[in-house]
Amino acid sequence: QVQLVESGGGLVQAGDSLRLSCAASGRTLINNRMGWFRQAPGKEREFVAAINWSSGITYYADSVKGRFTISRDNAKNTVYLQMNSLKPEDTAVYYCAFRRGTTAAAAAPALYDYWGQGTQVTVSS
């Protein structure tokens, strides 16, 4: 069992920055993958970014490349999502997720095994 707790969401204006955090407990993250997804009202959950914990290899959705950065802190068992140049279309509930192993597609929500409760990000224009 893995417990994931997100924090850092909020209400910001377009162009601002936010950093989301996701603290993991219950299982080693070594040789596994952590991801960030988001879901806007009336839309499906979509992939944002992922990181292979041991290698540090990262993956990004095209819509956030160059604006968002995923990183991890091994000592704190925490994954971060630094979000810069935020846009109103980034408004969503953001979820972190844990996947056993690092094979297969990073962007498929169905491949992730554990999910956090989500944190709301609202970007006003």
C-alpha atoms as a PDB file:
ATOM      1  CA  GLN A   1       0.000   0.000   0.000  1.00  0.00           C
ATOM      2  CA  VAL A   2       1.223   3.492  -0.867  1.00  0.00           C
ATOM      3  CA  GLN A   3      -0.193   6.672   0.617  1.00  0.00           C
ATOM      4  CA  LEU A   4       0.096   9.863  -1.406  1.00  0.00           C
ATOM      5  CA  VAL A   5      -0.680  13.320  -0.052  1.00  0.00           C
ATOM      6  CA  GLU A   6      -0.677  16.322  -2.373  1.00  0.00           C
ATOM      7  CA  SER A   7      -0.364  19.938  -1.347  1.00  0.00           C
ATOM      8  CA  GLY A   8       0.376  23.329  -2.851  1.00  0.00           C
ATOM      9  CA  GLY A   9      -2.691  24.039  -4.932  1.00  0.00           C
ATOM     10  CA  GLY A  10      -4.444  27.379  -4.916  1.00  0.00           C
ATOM     11  CA  LEU A  11      -5.870  30.302  -6.832  1.00  0.00           C
ATOM     12  CA  VAL A  12      -3.423  32.286  -8.964  1.00  0.00           C
ATOM     13  CA  GLN A  13      -3.495  34.641 -11.910  1.00  0.00           C
ATOM     14  CA  ALA A  14      -2.397  33.822 -15.428  1.00  0.00           C
ATOM     15  CA  GLY A  15       1.369  33.994 -15.705  1.00  0.00           C
ATOM     16  CA  ASP A  16       1.957  33.110 -12.051  1.00  0.00           C
ATOM     17  CA  SER A  17       3.732  30.055 -10.692  1.00  0.00           C
ATOM     18  CA  LEU A  18       2.824  27.306  -8.235  1.00  0.00           C
ATOM     19  CA  ARG A  19       4.672  24.307  -6.871  1.00  0.00           C
ATOM     20  CA  LEU A  20       2.761  21.179  -6.027  1.00  0.00           C
ATOM     21  CA  SER A  21       4.144  18.579  -3.656  1.00  0.00           C
ATOM     22  CA  CYS A  22       3.250  14.936  -3.210  1.00  0.00           C
ATOM     23  CA  ALA A  23       4.581  13.084  -0.190  1.00  0.00           C
ATOM     24  CA  ALA A  24       4.666   9.303  -0.501  1.00  0.00           C
ATOM     25  CA  SER A  25       4.775   6.716   2.263  1.00  0.00           C
ATOM     26  CA  GLY A  26       4.327   3.000   2.697  1.00  0.00           C
ATOM     27  CA  ARG A  27       6.614   1.696   0.007  1.00  0.00           C
ATOM     28  CA  THR A  28       9.969   2.432  -1.549  1.00  0.00           C
ATOM     29  CA  LEU A  29       9.849   4.543  -4.658  1.00  0.00           C
ATOM     30  CA  ILE A  30      13.091   3.079  -5.999  1.00  0.00           C
ATOM     31  CA  ASN A  31      12.628   1.457  -9.409  1.00  0.00           C
ATOM     32  CA  ASN A  32       9.105   2.831  -9.623  1.00  0.00           C
ATOM     33  CA  ARG A  33       7.461   5.773 -11.315  1.00  0.00           C
ATOM     34  CA  MET A  34       5.592   8.801 -10.023  1.00  0.00           C
ATOM     35  CA  GLY A  35       3.249  10.829 -12.157  1.00  0.00           C
ATOM     36  CA  TRP A  36       1.089  13.945 -12.123  1.00  0.00           C
ATOM     37  CA  PHE A  37      -2.309  14.005 -13.774  1.00  0.00           C
ATOM     38  CA  ARG A  38      -5.081  16.578 -13.855  1.00  0.00           C
ATOM     39  CA  GLN A  39      -8.803  16.601 -14.379  1.00  0.00           C
ATOM     40  CA  ALA A  40     -10.907  19.607 -15.289  1.00  0.00           C
ATOM     41  CA  PRO A  41     -14.696  19.638 -14.832  1.00  0.00           C
ATOM     42  CA  GLY A  42     -16.404  17.614 -17.521  1.00  0.00           C
ATOM     43  CA  LYS A  43     -13.130  16.286 -18.912  1.00  0.00           C
ATOM     44  CA  GLU A  44     -11.209  13.061 -18.623  1.00  0.00           C
ATOM     45  CA  ARG A  45      -8.167  12.769 -16.428  1.00  0.00           C
ATOM     46  CA  GLU A  46      -5.101  13.678 -18.458  1.00  0.00           C
ATOM     47  CA  PHE A  47      -1.399  13.089 -18.099  1.00  0.00           C
ATOM     48  CA  VAL A  48       0.806  16.005 -17.094  1.00  0.00           C
ATOM     49  CA  ALA A  49       4.257  14.662 -16.201  1.00  0.00           C
ATOM     50  CA  ALA A  50       6.041  11.625 -14.791  1.00  0.00           C
ATOM     51  CA  ILE A  51       9.437  10.695 -13.421  1.00  0.00           C
ATOM     52  CA  ASN A  52      11.215   7.393 -13.050  1.00  0.00           C
ATOM     53  CA  TRP A  53      12.365   7.578  -9.474  1.00  0.00           C
ATOM     54  CA  SER A  54      15.726   5.848  -9.756  1.00  0.00           C
ATOM     55  CA  SER A  55      16.947   7.150 -13.110  1.00  0.00           C
ATOM     56  CA  GLY A  56      15.333  10.577 -12.985  1.00  0.00           C
ATOM     57  CA  ILE A  57      14.028  10.205 -16.544  1.00  0.00           C
ATOM     58  CA  THR A  58      11.095  12.553 -17.044  1.00  0.00           C
ATOM     59  CA  TYR A  59       8.088  12.675 -19.349  1.00  0.00           C
ATOM     60  CA  TYR A  60       5.813  15.613 -20.148  1.00  0.00           C
ATOM     61  CA  ALA A  61       2.569  16.277 -21.944  1.00  0.00           C
ATOM     62  CA  ASP A  62       3.054  18.571 -24.917  1.00  0.00           C
ATOM     63  CA  SER A  63       0.724  21.112 -23.353  1.00  0.00           C
ATOM     64  CA  VAL A  64       3.070  21.701 -20.399  1.00  0.00           C
ATOM     65  CA  LYS A  65       6.534  21.210 -21.906  1.00  0.00           C
ATOM     66  CA  GLY A  66       8.756  24.169 -21.183  1.00  0.00           C
ATOM     67  CA  ARG A  67       6.432  25.453 -18.437  1.00  0.00           C
ATOM     68  CA  PHE A  68       6.198  22.608 -15.913  1.00  0.00           C
ATOM     69  CA  THR A  69       9.022  20.687 -14.285  1.00  0.00           C
ATOM     70  CA  ILE A  70       8.723  17.446 -12.330  1.00  0.00           C
ATOM     71  CA  SER A  71      11.400  16.621  -9.777  1.00  0.00           C
ATOM     72  CA  ARG A  72      11.921  14.436  -6.740  1.00  0.00           C
ATOM     73  CA  ASP A  73      13.568  14.546  -3.339  1.00  0.00           C
ATOM     74  CA  ASN A  74      14.810  11.104  -2.384  1.00  0.00           C
ATOM     75  CA  ALA A  75      15.345  11.967   1.266  1.00  0.00           C
ATOM     76  CA  LYS A  76      11.794  13.264   1.658  1.00  0.00           C
ATOM     77  CA  ASN A  77      10.097  10.695  -0.601  1.00  0.00           C
ATOM     78  CA  THR A  78       8.419  13.632  -2.262  1.00  0.00           C
ATOM     79  CA  VAL A  79       7.730  14.485  -5.873  1.00  0.00           C
ATOM     80  CA  TYR A  80       7.196  18.061  -6.995  1.00  0.00           C
ATOM     81  CA  LEU A  81       5.533  19.768  -9.924  1.00  0.00           C
ATOM     82  CA  GLN A  82       6.829  23.268 -10.545  1.00  0.00           C
ATOM     83  CA  MET A  83       4.304  25.083 -12.709  1.00  0.00           C
ATOM     84  CA  ASN A  84       5.343  28.345 -14.363  1.00  0.00           C
ATOM     85  CA  SER A  85       3.569  30.646 -16.785  1.00  0.00           C
ATOM     86  CA  LEU A  86       0.231  29.240 -15.725  1.00  0.00           C
ATOM     87  CA  LYS A  87      -2.732  29.611 -18.052  1.00  0.00           C
ATOM     88  CA  PRO A  88      -6.478  29.487 -17.379  1.00  0.00           C
ATOM     89  CA  GLU A  89      -6.602  26.165 -19.233  1.00  0.00           C
ATOM     90  CA  ASP A  90      -4.328  24.686 -16.565  1.00  0.00           C
ATOM     91  CA  THR A  91      -7.227  24.943 -14.112  1.00  0.00           C
ATOM     92  CA  ALA A  92      -7.984  21.461 -12.781  1.00  0.00           C
ATOM     93  CA  VAL A  93      -7.681  19.129  -9.848  1.00  0.00           C
ATOM     94  CA  TYR A  94      -4.131  17.796  -9.879  1.00  0.00           C
ATOM     95  CA  TYR A  95      -3.412  14.244  -8.729  1.00  0.00           C
ATOM     96  CA  CYS A  96      -0.170  12.476  -8.087  1.00  0.00           C
ATOM     97  CA  ALA A  97       0.063   8.768  -8.750  1.00  0.00           C
ATOM     98  CA  PHE A  98       2.407   5.839  -8.133  1.00  0.00           C
ATOM     99  CA  ARG A  99       3.188   3.095 -10.594  1.00  0.00           C
ATOM    100  CA  ARG A 100       5.023  -0.119  -9.832  1.00  0.00           C
ATOM    101  CA  GLY A 101       7.951  -0.377 -12.213  1.00  0.00           C
ATOM    102  CA  THR A 102       8.898   1.892 -15.047  1.00  0.00           C
ATOM    103  CA  THR A 103       8.009  -0.035 -18.164  1.00  0.00           C
ATOM    104  CA  ALA A 104       5.150   0.769 -20.502  1.00  0.00           C
ATOM    105  CA  ALA A 105       3.620   4.130 -21.201  1.00  0.00           C
ATOM    106  CA  ALA A 106       4.067   6.877 -18.645  1.00  0.00           C
ATOM    107  CA  ALA A 107       0.943   8.717 -19.729  1.00  0.00           C
ATOM    108  CA  ALA A 108      -1.731   6.058 -19.203  1.00  0.00           C
ATOM    109  CA  PRO A 109      -3.713   6.602 -15.992  1.00  0.00           C
ATOM    110  CA  ALA A 110      -4.859   2.980 -15.957  1.00  0.00           C
ATOM    111  CA  LEU A 111      -1.272   1.824 -15.442  1.00  0.00           C
ATOM    112  CA  TYR A 112      -0.892   3.650 -12.120  1.00  0.00           C
ATOM    113  CA  ASP A 113      -1.602   1.739  -8.942  1.00  0.00           C
ATOM    114  CA  TYR A 114      -2.146   4.371  -6.240  1.00  0.00           C
ATOM    115  CA  TRP A 115      -3.529   7.894  -6.316  1.00  0.00           C
ATOM    116  CA  GLY A 116      -3.584  10.894  -4.047  1.00  0.00           C
ATOM    117  CA  GLN A 117      -6.717  12.796  -3.115  1.00  0.00           C
ATOM    118  CA  GLY A 118      -6.004  15.700  -5.447  1.00  0.00           C
ATOM    119  CA  THR A 119      -5.347  19.385  -5.018  1.00  0.00           C
ATOM    120  CA  GLN A 120      -7.224  22.176  -6.796  1.00  0.00           C
ATOM    121  CA  VAL A 121      -5.374  24.596  -9.048  1.00  0.00           C
ATOM    122  CA  THR A 122      -7.356  27.547 -10.365  1.00  0.00           C
ATOM    123  CA  VAL A 123      -5.833  30.049 -12.773  1.00  0.00           C
ATOM    124  CA  SER A 124      -7.762  33.241 -13.391  1.00  0.00           C
ATOM    125  CA  SER A 125      -7.372  35.309 -16.544  1.00  0.00           C
END
